[in-house]
Amino acid sequence: MTYYVKGLIQKEYEKRLSEASDFVVVQIIGLNGIENNRLRGTLLEKGIRLMVVKNSLMRRALESLGRGKAASLFESGPCTLVYGGDSAVDVAKELTEWAKKLPVLQFKGAFVDGQVMMGAAAVAELAKMPSRRELQGQIVRAALGPGEQTVGAMLGPGRVLAGCIKRLIEKLEKAA
């Protein structure tokens, strides 16, 4: 491969990495074409992309973007960069589900919020974390909880009074 072509590939890596600050690195040796297409298609529907990379060019691209810490994920063996979705947690969850179906899928690590997470165990822990949407839901529930309790406390006595009046009316109707 000529120096010019390597430069073009590195620029493409830099362009894609500028879109994705967090990513997971996997190894997909042994994945046949049909499984590969199914995996890519399913992940693409969820906004997750896979990119098989040349390690030396990826390390250079990471260095030029100021993410040199992540270069350790691309030391040896064929690597596939997986990025996209709402967050790296979503990517890790999807890949963990696929790893159950495709045992050849091996995790090398992840790069999240400027920190390198090495190994399959780190990615498994990342997959256990709540996603961005789940965290937003928890925050909304926490913010609305006190308001719901206040409204419930204010409406409670009115409901009790209305129930008493209704029972009294029913009792008087039976008596009449």
Protein backbone atom coordinates (compact mmCIF):
# COMPACT_ATOMS: atom_id res chain seq x y z
CA MET A 1 0.00 0.00 0.00
CA THR A 2 1.45 3.36 -0.97
CA TYR A 3 2.03 6.17 1.48
CA TYR A 4 -0.65 8.24 -0.29
CA VAL A 5 -3.30 5.51 0.09
CA LYS A 6 -2.37 5.04 3.75
CA GLY A 7 -2.83 8.77 4.25
CA LEU A 8 -6.29 8.63 2.68
CA ILE A 9 -7.31 5.71 4.88
CA GLN A 10 -6.01 7.48 7.98
CA LYS A 11 -8.02 10.61 7.07
CA GLU A 12 -11.15 8.44 6.70
CA TYR A 13 -10.52 6.92 10.14
CA GLU A 14 -10.09 10.41 11.61
CA LYS A 15 -13.34 11.56 9.99
CA ARG A 16 -15.31 8.64 11.41
CA LEU A 17 -13.69 8.95 14.85
CA SER A 18 -14.55 12.64 15.00
CA GLU A 19 -18.22 11.57 14.80
CA ALA A 20 -17.83 8.95 17.55
CA SER A 21 -16.09 9.80 20.79
CA ASP A 22 -16.84 6.40 22.41
CA PHE A 23 -16.43 3.00 20.82
CA VAL A 24 -15.98 -0.73 21.42
CA VAL A 25 -13.27 -2.84 19.78
CA VAL A 26 -13.99 -6.45 18.83
CA GLN A 27 -12.37 -9.23 16.89
CA ILE A 28 -14.54 -11.09 14.38
CA ILE A 29 -12.20 -13.77 13.05
CA GLY A 30 -14.21 -16.80 11.92
CA LEU A 31 -17.42 -14.93 11.21
CA ASN A 32 -18.82 -16.13 7.88
CA GLY A 33 -20.34 -13.81 5.29
CA ILE A 34 -23.97 -14.48 6.14
CA GLU A 35 -23.44 -13.92 9.88
CA ASN A 36 -21.40 -10.80 9.13
CA ASN A 37 -24.19 -9.36 6.96
CA ARG A 38 -26.86 -10.17 9.56
CA LEU A 39 -24.78 -8.59 12.32
CA ARG A 40 -24.02 -5.46 10.33
CA GLY A 41 -27.61 -5.09 9.09
CA THR A 42 -29.16 -5.46 12.53
CA LEU A 43 -26.71 -3.06 14.12
CA LEU A 44 -27.10 -0.53 11.31
CA GLU A 45 -30.87 -0.44 11.93
CA LYS A 46 -30.02 0.72 15.46
CA GLY A 47 -27.54 3.33 14.23
CA ILE A 48 -24.47 1.27 15.14
CA ARG A 49 -21.64 0.90 12.64
CA LEU A 50 -18.79 -1.58 12.28
CA MET A 51 -15.47 -0.76 10.64
CA VAL A 52 -12.61 -3.23 10.19
CA VAL A 53 -9.40 -1.23 10.60
CA LYS A 54 -5.71 -1.48 9.96
CA ASN A 55 -4.17 -1.21 13.42
CA SER A 56 -1.15 0.97 12.57
CA LEU A 57 -3.28 3.50 10.69
CA MET A 58 -5.89 3.53 13.44
CA ARG A 59 -3.22 4.22 16.07
CA ARG A 60 -1.96 7.16 13.98
CA ALA A 61 -5.50 8.49 13.54
CA LEU A 62 -6.12 8.27 17.29
CA GLU A 63 -2.86 10.08 18.03
CA SER A 64 -3.74 12.89 15.61
CA LEU A 65 -7.15 13.30 17.28
CA GLY A 66 -5.63 13.46 20.76
CA ARG A 67 -6.97 10.08 21.84
CA GLY A 68 -3.64 8.31 22.09
CA LYS A 69 -4.77 6.33 25.15
CA ALA A 70 -7.07 4.27 22.94
CA ALA A 71 -4.17 3.15 20.74
CA SER A 72 -3.49 0.30 23.18
CA LEU A 73 -6.71 -1.37 21.96
CA PHE A 74 -5.18 -1.75 18.50
CA GLU A 75 -1.93 -3.49 19.35
CA SER A 76 -2.35 -6.92 17.79
CA GLY A 77 -4.70 -8.99 15.70
CA PRO A 78 -7.45 -7.86 13.38
CA CYS A 79 -9.66 -5.26 15.02
CA THR A 80 -13.16 -4.06 14.27
CA LEU A 81 -14.26 -0.68 15.57
CA VAL A 82 -17.94 -0.55 16.63
CA TYR A 83 -19.47 2.86 17.27
CA GLY A 84 -22.73 4.77 17.10
CA GLY A 85 -26.06 4.35 18.84
CA ASP A 86 -26.93 6.64 21.72
CA SER A 87 -23.82 5.71 23.68
CA ALA A 88 -21.10 3.11 24.11
CA VAL A 89 -23.35 1.38 26.64
CA ASP A 90 -25.93 0.71 23.91
CA VAL A 91 -23.19 -0.62 21.63
CA ALA A 92 -21.86 -2.89 24.38
CA LYS A 93 -25.36 -4.21 25.15
CA GLU A 94 -26.05 -5.03 21.52
CA LEU A 95 -22.68 -6.69 21.01
CA THR A 96 -23.09 -8.72 24.21
CA GLU A 97 -26.38 -10.06 22.87
CA TRP A 98 -24.74 -10.92 19.56
CA ALA A 99 -21.80 -12.60 21.31
CA LYS A 100 -24.27 -15.11 22.76
CA LYS A 101 -25.35 -16.03 19.22
CA LEU A 102 -21.90 -15.76 17.63
CA PRO A 103 -19.20 -17.24 19.87
CA VAL A 104 -16.43 -16.11 17.49
CA LEU A 105 -17.14 -12.49 18.44
CA GLN A 106 -14.42 -11.53 20.95
CA PHE A 107 -14.19 -8.27 22.87
CA LYS A 108 -10.87 -6.46 23.01
CA GLY A 109 -12.05 -3.46 25.00
CA ALA A 110 -13.74 -0.09 24.84
CA PHE A 111 -12.94 3.62 24.90
CA VAL A 112 -15.47 5.59 26.95
CA ASP A 113 -15.21 9.21 28.13
CA GLY A 114 -11.48 9.31 27.45
CA GLN A 115 -10.78 6.12 29.42
CA VAL A 116 -9.61 2.79 28.03
CA MET A 117 -11.40 -0.33 29.24
CA MET A 118 -9.36 -3.42 28.38
CA GLY A 119 -10.80 -6.89 27.88
CA ALA A 120 -14.09 -8.69 27.62
CA ALA A 121 -14.85 -8.31 31.33
CA ALA A 122 -14.73 -4.51 31.05
CA VAL A 123 -17.13 -4.54 28.09
CA ALA A 124 -19.47 -6.89 29.99
CA GLU A 125 -19.51 -4.43 32.91
CA LEU A 126 -20.18 -1.59 30.48
CA ALA A 127 -23.15 -3.53 29.06
CA LYS A 128 -24.65 -3.84 32.56
CA MET A 129 -24.77 -0.08 33.02
CA PRO A 130 -28.03 1.77 32.34
CA SER A 131 -28.27 3.38 28.91
CA ARG A 132 -28.64 7.10 28.38
CA ARG A 133 -32.43 6.80 27.98
CA GLU A 134 -32.74 4.75 31.16
CA LEU A 135 -30.73 7.36 33.08
CA GLN A 136 -32.88 10.16 31.69
CA GLY A 137 -36.00 8.26 32.79
CA GLN A 138 -34.60 7.85 36.29
CA ILE A 139 -33.86 11.58 36.49
CA VAL A 140 -37.35 12.49 35.30
CA ARG A 141 -38.93 10.10 37.82
CA ALA A 142 -36.79 11.57 40.60
CA ALA A 143 -37.75 15.12 39.59
CA LEU A 144 -41.48 14.38 39.31
CA GLY A 145 -41.73 12.19 42.43
CA PRO A 146 -42.07 14.96 45.03
CA GLY A 147 -44.66 16.77 42.90
CA GLU A 148 -46.75 13.61 42.57
CA GLN A 149 -46.63 13.06 46.31
CA THR A 150 -47.67 16.66 47.01
CA VAL A 151 -50.59 16.47 44.59
CA GLY A 152 -51.63 13.12 46.07
CA ALA A 153 -51.53 14.57 49.57
CA MET A 154 -53.62 17.55 48.49
CA LEU A 155 -56.23 15.45 46.69
CA GLY A 156 -56.41 12.70 49.32
CA PRO A 157 -58.71 14.45 51.83
CA GLY A 158 -61.03 15.56 49.02
CA ARG A 159 -61.39 11.95 47.85
CA VAL A 160 -62.15 10.77 51.37
CA LEU A 161 -64.78 13.50 51.80
CA ALA A 162 -66.35 12.71 48.41
CA GLY A 163 -66.50 9.00 49.32
CA CYS A 164 -68.22 9.80 52.63
CA ILE A 165 -70.78 12.03 50.92
CA LYS A 166 -71.47 9.36 48.28
CA ARG A 167 -72.04 6.69 50.95
CA LEU A 168 -74.33 9.05 52.86
CA ILE A 169 -76.36 9.75 49.71
CA GLU A 170 -76.67 6.01 48.95
CA LYS A 171 -77.75 5.36 52.55
CA LEU A 172 -80.37 8.10 52.45
CA GLU A 173 -81.68 6.86 49.06
CA LYS A 174 -82.18 3.35 50.48
CA ALA A 175 -83.94 4.78 53.52
CA ALA A 176 -86.32 6.84 51.38
